[in-house]
Protein backbone atom coordinates (compact mmCIF):
# COMPACT_ATOMS: atom_id res chain seq x y z
CA MET A 1 63.02 -50.22 46.73
CA LEU A 2 60.86 -48.19 44.42
CA PRO A 3 61.30 -44.62 43.25
CA ASP A 4 58.81 -42.30 44.95
CA SER A 5 56.89 -41.77 41.72
CA TYR A 6 56.34 -45.54 41.32
CA TRP A 7 55.32 -45.92 44.96
CA LEU A 8 52.75 -43.12 44.67
CA ALA A 9 51.35 -44.59 41.44
CA LEU A 10 51.20 -48.04 43.01
CA LYS A 11 49.33 -46.72 46.05
CA GLU A 12 46.86 -44.93 43.77
CA VAL A 13 46.20 -48.07 41.71
CA ALA A 14 45.76 -50.17 44.84
CA GLN A 15 43.39 -47.65 46.38
CA ARG A 16 41.25 -47.49 43.24
CA GLN A 17 41.02 -51.29 43.28
CA GLY A 18 40.27 -51.46 47.00
CA ARG A 19 43.42 -53.45 47.62
CA ASN A 20 46.68 -52.90 49.42
CA PRO A 21 49.94 -52.26 47.53
CA SER A 22 51.36 -55.65 48.57
CA GLU A 23 48.55 -57.47 46.76
CA VAL A 24 49.13 -55.44 43.60
CA ILE A 25 52.87 -56.14 43.75
CA ARG A 26 52.33 -59.89 44.25
CA GLU A 27 49.95 -59.98 41.28
CA ALA A 28 52.37 -58.05 39.09
CA VAL A 29 55.30 -60.29 40.03
CA ALA A 30 53.24 -63.43 39.42
CA ALA A 31 52.22 -62.18 35.96
CA TYR A 32 55.83 -61.27 35.13
CA VAL A 33 57.15 -64.65 36.22
CA ALA A 34 54.40 -66.50 34.36
CA GLY A 35 55.30 -64.61 31.18
CA ARG A 36 58.91 -65.73 31.38
CA SER A 37 59.65 -69.25 30.34
CA SER A 38 62.89 -70.77 31.49
CA ALA A 39 62.38 -73.80 29.29
CA PRO A 40 64.42 -73.72 26.09
CA LEU A 41 62.64 -74.03 22.77
CA PRO A 42 62.58 -77.51 21.26
CA SER A 43 65.55 -78.20 18.98
CA PHE A 44 63.31 -78.48 15.90
CA VAL A 45 62.07 -74.87 16.14
CA GLY A 46 63.38 -73.00 13.10
CA ALA A 47 64.82 -76.14 11.52
CA ALA A 48 62.27 -76.49 8.72
CA SER A 49 63.12 -75.96 5.11
CA GLY A 50 60.97 -76.10 2.07
CA LYS A 51 59.11 -74.23 -0.60
CA PHE A 52 57.71 -71.45 1.63
CA LYS A 53 60.62 -70.22 3.77
CA ASP A 54 58.89 -66.93 4.56
CA ILE A 55 55.40 -68.35 5.15
CA ALA A 56 54.70 -66.13 8.17
CA SER A 57 55.11 -62.92 6.19
CA GLN A 58 52.86 -64.30 3.44
CA ALA A 59 50.19 -65.93 5.60
CA ASP A 60 47.24 -63.96 4.19
CA ALA A 61 48.22 -64.65 0.58
CA ARG A 62 48.82 -68.34 1.27
CA LEU A 63 45.44 -68.71 2.94
CA GLN A 64 43.77 -67.30 -0.20
CA GLU A 65 45.35 -69.93 -2.46
CA PRO A 66 43.17 -72.83 -3.63
């Protein structure tokens, strides 16, 4: 079930694209599902230690170093 405002917006988008609302919904659901990963991150993610603990926040400066 969709609120009326979503249904009307969906129909408008579908009409502009020359498609039916079901196609638009299937595409949106497929994109949503593809963007969600059910696989856990590898155990080593975040386990590093070393000289540059905040390397991501200093990426530009680190890239400038000789």
